[in-house]
């Protein structure tokens, strides 16, 4: 059978994907019949997929195959994939669960997209949440973490972060720890989240983009002198580079100019953040941004696990650019 998960809200779609994987692992603990395949522009991913489908399953276990971002492939390869699904009747098989997972927008006229909509056992589109849906989602997430939040605080959180669910999730966790069992108020959100759209952080990121290490290190020192701690500074840098990657990826994929309103609708980012981020994004290639973002995630992990002192880690990140 085929499960089709797609849409621009990759926070909720990835949570759904994790849920499917965890259910399979609980049922089949060997892990031998689980595969995650990241597609690319050549045929390697397709060969891997066919091999997984045609290998005899061990222990009478159902196979779970996760196939990510196949719409990045050429049309000819997508057609080849579609023909193979038809030939092997994958959508009718009960011993193979194929999850086609796609982040971002897909052209509704795409033939593979139409095929999957028609033949998938289950399909779920993850659109960006509307303002009213986002408020309900935040309330549920806070409650899930054993916390409480009032309406003013929710509005303030959305003002600072937009509907970037990845960042909202992080902010909710910080706010719950900060309030220590009390209801989250607007002043709590203002105190912890204001820095995410602080104009000064864009100057720091711009210095990093120009590889002006001296200026970037000076600005980091100024942040620290103003009372911001290293963890907060790193979270701001990670947040901004994720935004850079998101906007650059969108520009690369669409190959067209989108206005701030369209970008806000697609990405869920605050208009101020988009306006400040776009000029900086033009100074990077998509490969550079992916590389920097991976380094930041690694640094974040090293700091949180005590493997490196926070300030030293941030300074090393800048000097090694």
C-alpha atoms as a PDB file:
ATOM      1  CA  UNK A   1       0.000   0.000   0.000  1.00  0.00           C
ATOM      2  CA  UNK A   2       1.041   3.610  -0.484  1.00  0.00           C
ATOM      3  CA  UNK A   3       0.814   6.417   2.046  1.00  0.00           C
ATOM      4  CA  UNK A   4       1.348   9.907   0.616  1.00  0.00           C
ATOM      5  CA  UNK A   5       2.411  12.742   2.956  1.00  0.00           C
ATOM      6  CA  UNK A   6       3.063  16.140   1.387  1.00  0.00           C
ATOM      7  CA  UNK A   7       2.834  19.893   1.876  1.00  0.00           C
ATOM      8  CA  UNK A   8       4.806  22.922   3.086  1.00  0.00           C
ATOM      9  CA  UNK A   9       4.227  22.343   6.816  1.00  0.00           C
ATOM     10  CA  UNK A  10       7.100  19.914   7.328  1.00  0.00           C
ATOM     11  CA  UNK A  11       6.860  20.079  11.132  1.00  0.00           C
ATOM     12  CA  UNK A  12       3.532  18.283  11.283  1.00  0.00           C
ATOM     13  CA  UNK A  13       4.320  16.035   8.310  1.00  0.00           C
ATOM     14  CA  UNK A  14       7.576  14.883   9.931  1.00  0.00           C
ATOM     15  CA  UNK A  15       5.765  14.219  13.202  1.00  0.00           C
ATOM     16  CA  UNK A  16       3.308  12.044  11.283  1.00  0.00           C
ATOM     17  CA  UNK A  17       6.189  10.252   9.565  1.00  0.00           C
ATOM     18  CA  UNK A  18       7.841   9.589  12.948  1.00  0.00           C
ATOM     19  CA  UNK A  19       4.565   8.162  14.215  1.00  0.00           C
ATOM     20  CA  UNK A  20       4.370   5.705  11.278  1.00  0.00           C
ATOM     21  CA  UNK A  21       8.009   4.640  11.745  1.00  0.00           C
ATOM     22  CA  UNK A  22       7.612   4.169  15.515  1.00  0.00           C
ATOM     23  CA  UNK A  23       4.492   2.036  15.062  1.00  0.00           C
ATOM     24  CA  UNK A  24       6.363  -0.206  12.594  1.00  0.00           C
ATOM     25  CA  UNK A  25       9.365  -0.532  14.924  1.00  0.00           C
ATOM     26  CA  UNK A  26       7.146  -1.481  17.845  1.00  0.00           C
ATOM     27  CA  UNK A  27       5.533  -4.237  15.784  1.00  0.00           C
ATOM     28  CA  UNK A  28       8.679  -5.457  13.990  1.00  0.00           C
ATOM     29  CA  UNK A  29      11.650  -5.112  16.315  1.00  0.00           C
ATOM     30  CA  UNK A  30      14.269  -6.673  13.998  1.00  0.00           C
ATOM     31  CA  UNK A  31      14.512  -3.480  11.911  1.00  0.00           C
ATOM     32  CA  UNK A  32      15.548  -5.558   8.890  1.00  0.00           C
ATOM     33  CA  UNK A  33      12.553  -4.596   6.782  1.00  0.00           C
ATOM     34  CA  UNK A  34      12.716  -0.860   7.259  1.00  0.00           C
ATOM     35  CA  UNK A  35      14.402   1.501   4.787  1.00  0.00           C
ATOM     36  CA  UNK A  36      14.598   5.254   4.401  1.00  0.00           C
ATOM     37  CA  UNK A  37      15.644   6.433   0.945  1.00  0.00           C
ATOM     38  CA  UNK A  38      16.440  10.056   0.145  1.00  0.00           C
ATOM     39  CA  UNK A  39      15.937  10.711  -3.543  1.00  0.00           C
ATOM     40  CA  UNK A  40      18.381  12.613  -5.704  1.00  0.00           C
ATOM     41  CA  UNK A  41      18.600  13.659  -9.326  1.00  0.00           C
ATOM     42  CA  UNK A  42      20.188  10.462 -10.623  1.00  0.00           C
ATOM     43  CA  UNK A  43      18.838   6.896 -10.634  1.00  0.00           C
ATOM     44  CA  UNK A  44      20.613   5.713  -7.492  1.00  0.00           C
ATOM     45  CA  UNK A  45      17.565   6.181  -5.261  1.00  0.00           C
ATOM     46  CA  UNK A  46      15.360   4.334  -7.768  1.00  0.00           C
ATOM     47  CA  UNK A  47      17.748   1.372  -7.862  1.00  0.00           C
ATOM     48  CA  UNK A  48      17.793   1.275  -4.048  1.00  0.00           C
ATOM     49  CA  UNK A  49      14.006   1.349  -3.981  1.00  0.00           C
ATOM     50  CA  UNK A  50      13.640  -1.524  -6.485  1.00  0.00           C
ATOM     51  CA  UNK A  51      16.157  -3.594  -4.545  1.00  0.00           C
ATOM     52  CA  UNK A  52      14.192  -3.103  -1.328  1.00  0.00           C
ATOM     53  CA  UNK A  53      10.906  -4.023  -2.999  1.00  0.00           C
ATOM     54  CA  UNK A  54      12.274  -7.143  -4.680  1.00  0.00           C
ATOM     55  CA  UNK A  55      14.305  -8.501  -1.733  1.00  0.00           C
ATOM     56  CA  UNK A  56      12.475 -11.361  -0.021  1.00  0.00           C
ATOM     57  CA  UNK A  57      11.195 -10.211   3.358  1.00  0.00           C
ATOM     58  CA  UNK A  58      12.586 -12.025   6.399  1.00  0.00           C
ATOM     59  CA  UNK A  59      10.540 -13.371   9.318  1.00  0.00           C
ATOM     60  CA  UNK A  60       7.249 -12.729   7.453  1.00  0.00           C
ATOM     61  CA  UNK A  61       7.463  -9.049   8.384  1.00  0.00           C
ATOM     62  CA  UNK A  62       5.828  -6.258   6.444  1.00  0.00           C
ATOM     63  CA  UNK A  63       8.280  -3.894   4.759  1.00  0.00           C
ATOM     64  CA  UNK A  64       8.241  -0.183   5.489  1.00  0.00           C
ATOM     65  CA  UNK A  65       9.958   1.948   2.855  1.00  0.00           C
ATOM     66  CA  UNK A  66      10.190   5.726   3.288  1.00  0.00           C
ATOM     67  CA  UNK A  67      10.887   7.538   0.035  1.00  0.00           C
ATOM     68  CA  UNK A  68      11.659  11.238   0.475  1.00  0.00           C
ATOM     69  CA  UNK A  69      11.512  14.120  -2.013  1.00  0.00           C
ATOM     70  CA  UNK A  70      11.140  12.174  -5.254  1.00  0.00           C
ATOM     71  CA  UNK A  71       9.645  15.224  -6.947  1.00  0.00           C
ATOM     72  CA  UNK A  72      13.156  16.675  -7.131  1.00  0.00           C
ATOM     73  CA  UNK A  73      13.948  14.019  -9.724  1.00  0.00           C
ATOM     74  CA  UNK A  74      13.574  14.490 -13.470  1.00  0.00           C
ATOM     75  CA  UNK A  75      10.195  13.911 -15.104  1.00  0.00           C
ATOM     76  CA  UNK A  76      11.531  10.859 -16.938  1.00  0.00           C
ATOM     77  CA  UNK A  77      12.648   9.282 -13.666  1.00  0.00           C
ATOM     78  CA  UNK A  78       9.316  10.116 -12.019  1.00  0.00           C
ATOM     79  CA  UNK A  79       7.534   8.425 -14.926  1.00  0.00           C
ATOM     80  CA  UNK A  80       9.801   5.399 -14.577  1.00  0.00           C
ATOM     81  CA  UNK A  81       8.962   5.220 -10.874  1.00  0.00           C
ATOM     82  CA  UNK A  82       5.223   5.512 -11.606  1.00  0.00           C
ATOM     83  CA  UNK A  83       5.413   2.734 -14.207  1.00  0.00           C
ATOM     84  CA  UNK A  84       7.257   0.497 -11.731  1.00  0.00           C
ATOM     85  CA  UNK A  85       4.570   1.066  -9.075  1.00  0.00           C
ATOM     86  CA  UNK A  86       1.969   0.056 -11.656  1.00  0.00           C
ATOM     87  CA  UNK A  87       3.933  -2.955 -12.837  1.00  0.00           C
ATOM     88  CA  UNK A  88       4.498  -4.317  -9.315  1.00  0.00           C
ATOM     89  CA  UNK A  89       1.018  -3.265  -8.114  1.00  0.00           C
ATOM     90  CA  UNK A  90       2.598  -1.700  -5.040  1.00  0.00           C
ATOM     91  CA  UNK A  91      -0.619   0.107  -4.156  1.00  0.00           C
ATOM     92  CA  UNK A  92      -2.390  -3.274  -3.841  1.00  0.00           C
ATOM     93  CA  UNK A  93       0.243  -5.062  -1.747  1.00  0.00           C
ATOM     94  CA  UNK A  94      -0.369  -5.432   1.990  1.00  0.00           C
ATOM     95  CA  UNK A  95       3.115  -6.666   2.881  1.00  0.00           C
ATOM     96  CA  UNK A  96       4.778  -3.464   1.585  1.00  0.00           C
ATOM     97  CA  UNK A  97       4.039  -0.065   3.091  1.00  0.00           C
ATOM     98  CA  UNK A  98       5.502   2.649   0.909  1.00  0.00           C
ATOM     99  CA  UNK A  99       5.455   6.146   2.409  1.00  0.00           C
ATOM    100  CA  UNK A 100       6.049   8.842  -0.211  1.00  0.00           C
ATOM    101  CA  UNK A 101       7.124  11.894   1.793  1.00  0.00           C
ATOM    102  CA  UNK A 102       7.423  15.253   0.068  1.00  0.00           C
ATOM    103  CA  UNK A 103       8.266  18.605   1.637  1.00  0.00           C
ATOM    104  CA  UNK A 104       7.093  21.834   0.052  1.00  0.00           C
ATOM    105  CA  UNK A 105       4.707  22.629  -2.755  1.00  0.00           C
ATOM    106  CA  UNK A 106       4.016  20.245  -5.665  1.00  0.00           C
ATOM    107  CA  UNK A 107       2.551  21.321  -8.999  1.00  0.00           C
ATOM    108  CA  UNK A 108      -1.018  20.015  -9.161  1.00  0.00           C
ATOM    109  CA  UNK A 109      -0.516  19.197 -12.859  1.00  0.00           C
ATOM    110  CA  UNK A 110       2.369  16.792 -12.129  1.00  0.00           C
ATOM    111  CA  UNK A 111       1.434  13.315 -13.428  1.00  0.00           C
ATOM    112  CA  UNK A 112       3.096  11.452 -10.556  1.00  0.00           C
ATOM    113  CA  UNK A 113       1.283  13.683  -8.069  1.00  0.00           C
ATOM    114  CA  UNK A 114      -2.054  12.872  -9.735  1.00  0.00           C
ATOM    115  CA  UNK A 115      -1.182   9.164  -9.763  1.00  0.00           C
ATOM    116  CA  UNK A 116      -0.381   9.149  -6.039  1.00  0.00           C
ATOM    117  CA  UNK A 117      -3.547  11.051  -5.169  1.00  0.00           C
ATOM    118  CA  UNK A 118      -5.566   8.494  -7.090  1.00  0.00           C
ATOM    119  CA  UNK A 119      -3.837   5.315  -5.900  1.00  0.00           C
ATOM    120  CA  UNK A 120      -2.505   5.999  -2.394  1.00  0.00           C
ATOM    121  CA  UNK A 121      -4.303   4.102   0.357  1.00  0.00           C
ATOM    122  CA  UNK A 122      -4.054   7.258   2.477  1.00  0.00           C
ATOM    123  CA  UNK A 123      -2.951  10.759   1.526  1.00  0.00           C
ATOM    124  CA  UNK A 124      -2.534  13.749   3.783  1.00  0.00           C
ATOM    125  CA  UNK A 125      -1.667  17.310   2.797  1.00  0.00           C
ATOM    126  CA  UNK A 126       0.022  19.452   5.429  1.00  0.00           C
ATOM    127  CA  UNK A 127      -0.791  23.066   4.638  1.00  0.00           C
ATOM    128  CA  UNK A 128       0.515  25.947   6.719  1.00  0.00           C
ATOM    129  CA  UNK A 129      -1.935  26.609   9.522  1.00  0.00           C
ATOM    130  CA  UNK A 130      -4.287  29.572   9.313  1.00  0.00           C
ATOM    131  CA  UNK A 131      -4.076  32.116  12.201  1.00  0.00           C
ATOM    132  CA  UNK A 132      -7.080  30.574  13.993  1.00  0.00           C
ATOM    133  CA  UNK A 133      -5.739  27.021  13.495  1.00  0.00           C
ATOM    134  CA  UNK A 134      -2.323  28.125  14.736  1.00  0.00           C
ATOM    135  CA  UNK A 135      -3.776  29.505  17.993  1.00  0.00           C
ATOM    136  CA  UNK A 136      -5.551  26.196  18.664  1.00  0.00           C
ATOM    137  CA  UNK A 137      -2.367  24.258  17.799  1.00  0.00           C
ATOM    138  CA  UNK A 138      -0.288  26.339  20.245  1.00  0.00           C
ATOM    139  CA  UNK A 139      -2.843  25.788  23.024  1.00  0.00           C
ATOM    140  CA  UNK A 140      -2.743  22.024  22.440  1.00  0.00           C
ATOM    141  CA  UNK A 141       1.069  21.914  22.323  1.00  0.00           C
ATOM    142  CA  UNK A 142       1.387  23.882  25.571  1.00  0.00           C
ATOM    143  CA  UNK A 143      -1.156  21.592  27.224  1.00  0.00           C
ATOM    144  CA  UNK A 144       0.724  18.543  25.905  1.00  0.00           C
ATOM    145  CA  UNK A 145       3.810  19.828  27.759  1.00  0.00           C
ATOM    146  CA  UNK A 146       1.760  20.263  30.978  1.00  0.00           C
ATOM    147  CA  UNK A 147       1.637  24.046  30.692  1.00  0.00           C
ATOM    148  CA  UNK A 148      -0.904  26.835  30.326  1.00  0.00           C
ATOM    149  CA  UNK A 149      -0.866  29.959  28.152  1.00  0.00           C
ATOM    150  CA  UNK A 150      -3.251  32.901  27.846  1.00  0.00           C
ATOM    151  CA  UNK A 151      -4.579  34.421  24.604  1.00  0.00           C
ATOM    152  CA  UNK A 152      -2.397  37.542  24.763  1.00  0.00           C
ATOM    153  CA  UNK A 153       0.721  35.409  25.083  1.00  0.00           C
ATOM    154  CA  UNK A 154      -0.341  33.301  22.070  1.00  0.00           C
ATOM    155  CA  UNK A 155      -0.835  36.432  19.945  1.00  0.00           C
ATOM    156  CA  UNK A 156       2.542  37.779  21.028  1.00  0.00           C
ATOM    157  CA  UNK A 157       4.267  34.478  20.223  1.00  0.00           C
ATOM    158  CA  UNK A 158       2.752  34.470  16.717  1.00  0.00           C
ATOM    159  CA  UNK A 159       3.846  38.101  16.223  1.00  0.00           C
ATOM    160  CA  UNK A 160       7.462  37.193  16.958  1.00  0.00           C
ATOM    161  CA  UNK A 161       7.733  33.807  15.266  1.00  0.00           C
ATOM    162  CA  UNK A 162       4.967  33.705  12.615  1.00  0.00           C
ATOM    163  CA  UNK A 163       3.768  30.131  12.008  1.00  0.00           C
ATOM    164  CA  UNK A 164       7.216  28.532  11.955  1.00  0.00           C
ATOM    165  CA  UNK A 165       6.155  25.470  13.967  1.00  0.00           C
ATOM    166  CA  UNK A 166       9.748  24.290  14.463  1.00  0.00           C
ATOM    167  CA  UNK A 167      10.615  27.532  16.220  1.00  0.00           C
ATOM    168  CA  UNK A 168       7.287  27.771  18.080  1.00  0.00           C
ATOM    169  CA  UNK A 169       7.893  24.267  19.443  1.00  0.00           C
ATOM    170  CA  UNK A 170      11.298  25.378  20.787  1.00  0.00           C
ATOM    171  CA  UNK A 171       9.865  28.589  22.235  1.00  0.00           C
ATOM    172  CA  UNK A 172       7.036  26.712  23.976  1.00  0.00           C
ATOM    173  CA  UNK A 173       9.557  24.408  25.678  1.00  0.00           C
ATOM    174  CA  UNK A 174      11.644  27.402  26.826  1.00  0.00           C
ATOM    175  CA  UNK A 175       8.564  29.300  28.042  1.00  0.00           C
ATOM    176  CA  UNK A 176       7.258  26.347  30.051  1.00  0.00           C
ATOM    177  CA  UNK A 177      10.661  25.896  31.709  1.00  0.00           C
ATOM    178  CA  UNK A 178      10.877  29.653  32.349  1.00  0.00           C
ATOM    179  CA  UNK A 179       7.404  29.993  33.937  1.00  0.00           C
ATOM    180  CA  UNK A 180       7.872  26.825  36.021  1.00  0.00           C
ATOM    181  CA  UNK A 181       4.241  25.713  36.200  1.00  0.00           C
ATOM    182  CA  UNK A 182       2.637  29.149  36.033  1.00  0.00           C
ATOM    183  CA  UNK A 183       0.473  30.382  33.144  1.00  0.00           C
ATOM    184  CA  UNK A 184       2.559  31.797  30.297  1.00  0.00           C
ATOM    185  CA  UNK A 185       1.860  35.530  29.968  1.00  0.00           C
ATOM    186  CA  UNK A 186       2.591  38.091  27.258  1.00  0.00           C
ATOM    187  CA  UNK A 187       5.480  39.555  29.272  1.00  0.00           C
ATOM    188  CA  UNK A 188       7.115  36.103  29.409  1.00  0.00           C
ATOM    189  CA  UNK A 189       6.905  35.788  25.620  1.00  0.00           C
ATOM    190  CA  UNK A 190       8.252  39.323  25.147  1.00  0.00           C
ATOM    191  CA  UNK A 191      11.192  38.600  27.447  1.00  0.00           C
ATOM    192  CA  UNK A 192      12.235  35.354  25.747  1.00  0.00           C
ATOM    193  CA  UNK A 193      11.195  35.742  22.106  1.00  0.00           C
ATOM    194  CA  UNK A 194      11.886  39.384  21.256  1.00  0.00           C
ATOM    195  CA  UNK A 195      15.508  38.615  20.352  1.00  0.00           C
ATOM    196  CA  UNK A 196      14.413  36.390  17.458  1.00  0.00           C
ATOM    197  CA  UNK A 197      13.509  39.469  15.405  1.00  0.00           C
ATOM    198  CA  UNK A 198      16.044  41.810  17.009  1.00  0.00           C
ATOM    199  CA  UNK A 199      17.459  43.919  14.141  1.00  0.00           C
ATOM    200  CA  UNK A 200      20.960  43.552  15.624  1.00  0.00           C
ATOM    201  CA  UNK A 201      21.036  39.821  14.950  1.00  0.00           C
ATOM    202  CA  UNK A 202      20.631  40.468  11.200  1.00  0.00           C
ATOM    203  CA  UNK A 203      23.767  42.601  11.274  1.00  0.00           C
ATOM    204  CA  UNK A 204      25.593  39.726  12.944  1.00  0.00           C
ATOM    205  CA  UNK A 205      24.330  37.229  10.340  1.00  0.00           C
ATOM    206  CA  UNK A 206      25.249  39.616   7.520  1.00  0.00           C
ATOM    207  CA  UNK A 207      28.799  39.867   8.890  1.00  0.00           C
ATOM    208  CA  UNK A 208      28.964  36.070   8.938  1.00  0.00           C
ATOM    209  CA  UNK A 209      27.657  35.958   5.336  1.00  0.00           C
ATOM    210  CA  UNK A 210      30.434  38.336   4.241  1.00  0.00           C
ATOM    211  CA  UNK A 211      32.932  36.206   6.190  1.00  0.00           C
ATOM    212  CA  UNK A 212      33.828  39.386   8.083  1.00  0.00           C
ATOM    213  CA  UNK A 213      34.969  37.352  11.094  1.00  0.00           C
ATOM    214  CA  UNK A 214      36.352  40.319  13.008  1.00  0.00           C
ATOM    215  CA  UNK A 215      33.048  42.211  12.780  1.00  0.00           C
ATOM    216  CA  UNK A 216      30.983  39.097  13.576  1.00  0.00           C
ATOM    217  CA  UNK A 217      33.047  38.333  16.696  1.00  0.00           C
ATOM    218  CA  UNK A 218      32.757  41.970  17.825  1.00  0.00           C
ATOM    219  CA  UNK A 219      28.964  41.861  17.451  1.00  0.00           C
ATOM    220  CA  UNK A 220      28.788  38.567  19.380  1.00  0.00           C
ATOM    221  CA  UNK A 221      30.745  40.249  22.201  1.00  0.00           C
ATOM    222  CA  UNK A 222      28.288  43.150  22.147  1.00  0.00           C
ATOM    223  CA  UNK A 223      25.348  40.744  22.462  1.00  0.00           C
ATOM    224  CA  UNK A 224      27.009  39.175  25.506  1.00  0.00           C
ATOM    225  CA  UNK A 225      27.770  42.556  27.072  1.00  0.00           C
ATOM    226  CA  UNK A 226      24.089  43.469  26.729  1.00  0.00           C
ATOM    227  CA  UNK A 227      23.249  40.519  28.958  1.00  0.00           C
ATOM    228  CA  UNK A 228      22.247  37.881  26.410  1.00  0.00           C
ATOM    229  CA  UNK A 229      23.585  34.423  27.185  1.00  0.00           C
ATOM    230  CA  UNK A 230      25.426  32.223  24.705  1.00  0.00           C
ATOM    231  CA  UNK A 231      22.604  29.683  24.328  1.00  0.00           C
ATOM    232  CA  UNK A 232      20.161  32.437  23.380  1.00  0.00           C
ATOM    233  CA  UNK A 233      22.636  33.890  20.856  1.00  0.00           C
ATOM    234  CA  UNK A 234      23.193  30.460  19.294  1.00  0.00           C
ATOM    235  CA  UNK A 235      19.421  29.862  19.078  1.00  0.00           C
ATOM    236  CA  UNK A 236      19.055  33.196  17.238  1.00  0.00           C
ATOM    237  CA  UNK A 237      21.819  32.268  14.785  1.00  0.00           C
ATOM    238  CA  UNK A 238      20.327  28.791  14.184  1.00  0.00           C
ATOM    239  CA  UNK A 239      16.881  30.339  13.695  1.00  0.00           C
ATOM    240  CA  UNK A 240      18.144  32.871  11.144  1.00  0.00           C
ATOM    241  CA  UNK A 241      20.171  30.329   9.171  1.00  0.00           C
ATOM    242  CA  UNK A 242      17.145  28.033   9.029  1.00  0.00           C
ATOM    243  CA  UNK A 243      15.183  30.973   7.608  1.00  0.00           C
ATOM    244  CA  UNK A 244      17.960  31.662   5.091  1.00  0.00           C
ATOM    245  CA  UNK A 245      17.922  28.023   3.998  1.00  0.00           C
ATOM    246  CA  UNK A 246      14.130  27.992   3.761  1.00  0.00           C
ATOM    247  CA  UNK A 247      13.973  31.141   1.591  1.00  0.00           C
ATOM    248  CA  UNK A 248      16.948  30.145  -0.579  1.00  0.00           C
ATOM    249  CA  UNK A 249      15.507  26.689  -1.157  1.00  0.00           C
ATOM    250  CA  UNK A 250      12.181  28.214  -2.136  1.00  0.00           C
ATOM    251  CA  UNK A 251      13.843  30.650  -4.554  1.00  0.00           C
ATOM    252  CA  UNK A 252      15.886  27.809  -6.104  1.00  0.00           C
ATOM    253  CA  UNK A 253      12.827  25.592  -6.493  1.00  0.00           C
ATOM    254  CA  UNK A 254      10.407  28.173  -7.923  1.00  0.00           C
ATOM    255  CA  UNK A 255      13.000  30.093  -9.997  1.00  0.00           C
ATOM    256  CA  UNK A 256      10.687  33.100  -9.809  1.00  0.00           C
ATOM    257  CA  UNK A 257      10.180  36.247  -7.781  1.00  0.00           C
ATOM    258  CA  UNK A 258       7.703  35.951  -4.917  1.00  0.00           C
ATOM    259  CA  UNK A 259       6.540  38.962  -2.935  1.00  0.00           C
ATOM    260  CA  UNK A 260       6.653  39.161   0.855  1.00  0.00           C
ATOM    261  CA  UNK A 261       2.958  38.242   1.182  1.00  0.00           C
ATOM    262  CA  UNK A 262       3.443  35.077  -0.907  1.00  0.00           C
ATOM    263  CA  UNK A 263       6.601  34.151   1.016  1.00  0.00           C
ATOM    264  CA  UNK A 264       4.815  34.668   4.326  1.00  0.00           C
ATOM    265  CA  UNK A 265       1.950  32.418   3.202  1.00  0.00           C
ATOM    266  CA  UNK A 266       4.312  29.651   2.063  1.00  0.00           C
ATOM    267  CA  UNK A 267       6.930  29.808   4.842  1.00  0.00           C
ATOM    268  CA  UNK A 268       4.918  31.135   7.769  1.00  0.00           C
ATOM    269  CA  UNK A 269       7.707  33.572   8.635  1.00  0.00           C
ATOM    270  CA  UNK A 270       7.136  37.040  10.087  1.00  0.00           C
ATOM    271  CA  UNK A 271       7.161  39.705   7.293  1.00  0.00           C
ATOM    272  CA  UNK A 272       9.914  41.638   9.108  1.00  0.00           C
ATOM    273  CA  UNK A 273      12.078  38.511   9.183  1.00  0.00           C
ATOM    274  CA  UNK A 274      11.500  37.893   5.452  1.00  0.00           C
ATOM    275  CA  UNK A 275      12.354  41.496   4.551  1.00  0.00           C
ATOM    276  CA  UNK A 276      15.621  41.351   6.516  1.00  0.00           C
ATOM    277  CA  UNK A 277      16.571  37.836   5.461  1.00  0.00           C
ATOM    278  CA  UNK A 278      16.084  37.986   1.672  1.00  0.00           C
ATOM    279  CA  UNK A 279      19.080  40.252   0.883  1.00  0.00           C
ATOM    280  CA  UNK A 280      21.354  38.072   3.029  1.00  0.00           C
ATOM    281  CA  UNK A 281      20.108  34.864   1.358  1.00  0.00           C
ATOM    282  CA  UNK A 282      21.321  36.147  -2.019  1.00  0.00           C
ATOM    283  CA  UNK A 283      24.912  36.066  -0.749  1.00  0.00           C
ATOM    284  CA  UNK A 284      24.890  32.289  -0.201  1.00  0.00           C
ATOM    285  CA  UNK A 285      24.528  29.254  -2.422  1.00  0.00           C
ATOM    286  CA  UNK A 286      22.088  26.571  -1.280  1.00  0.00           C
ATOM    287  CA  UNK A 287      25.052  24.210  -0.688  1.00  0.00           C
ATOM    288  CA  UNK A 288      26.805  26.758   1.559  1.00  0.00           C
ATOM    289  CA  UNK A 289      23.663  27.242   3.639  1.00  0.00           C
ATOM    290  CA  UNK A 290      23.097  23.501   4.064  1.00  0.00           C
ATOM    291  CA  UNK A 291      26.721  23.066   5.155  1.00  0.00           C
ATOM    292  CA  UNK A 292      26.576  25.957   7.652  1.00  0.00           C
ATOM    293  CA  UNK A 293      23.235  24.796   9.054  1.00  0.00           C
ATOM    294  CA  UNK A 294      24.566  21.277   9.644  1.00  0.00           C
ATOM    295  CA  UNK A 295      27.589  22.761  11.457  1.00  0.00           C
ATOM    296  CA  UNK A 296      25.261  24.819  13.656  1.00  0.00           C
ATOM    297  CA  UNK A 297      23.140  21.781  14.546  1.00  0.00           C
ATOM    298  CA  UNK A 298      26.291  19.855  15.441  1.00  0.00           C
ATOM    299  CA  UNK A 299      27.524  22.779  17.582  1.00  0.00           C
ATOM    300  CA  UNK A 300      24.131  23.041  19.296  1.00  0.00           C
ATOM    301  CA  UNK A 301      24.313  19.337  20.190  1.00  0.00           C
ATOM    302  CA  UNK A 302      27.922  19.646  21.451  1.00  0.00           C
ATOM    303  CA  UNK A 303      27.038  22.595  23.688  1.00  0.00           C
ATOM    304  CA  UNK A 304      23.881  20.991  25.101  1.00  0.00           C
ATOM    305  CA  UNK A 305      25.775  17.776  25.889  1.00  0.00           C
ATOM    306  CA  UNK A 306      28.608  19.684  27.564  1.00  0.00           C
ATOM    307  CA  UNK A 307      31.255  18.718  24.990  1.00  0.00           C
ATOM    308  CA  UNK A 308      32.187  22.329  24.306  1.00  0.00           C
ATOM    309  CA  UNK A 309      31.925  25.602  26.204  1.00  0.00           C
ATOM    310  CA  UNK A 310      29.188  27.782  24.590  1.00  0.00           C
ATOM    311  CA  UNK A 311      31.131  30.981  23.909  1.00  0.00           C
ATOM    312  CA  UNK A 312      34.166  29.090  22.639  1.00  0.00           C
ATOM    313  CA  UNK A 313      31.941  27.015  20.357  1.00  0.00           C
ATOM    314  CA  UNK A 314      30.283  30.096  18.817  1.00  0.00           C
ATOM    315  CA  UNK A 315      33.640  31.816  18.302  1.00  0.00           C
ATOM    316  CA  UNK A 316      35.136  28.670  16.728  1.00  0.00           C
ATOM    317  CA  UNK A 317      32.119  28.410  14.398  1.00  0.00           C
ATOM    318  CA  UNK A 318      32.728  31.970  13.170  1.00  0.00           C
ATOM    319  CA  UNK A 319      36.515  31.685  12.831  1.00  0.00           C
ATOM    320  CA  UNK A 320      36.234  28.390  10.913  1.00  0.00           C
ATOM    321  CA  UNK A 321      33.853  29.765   8.274  1.00  0.00           C
END
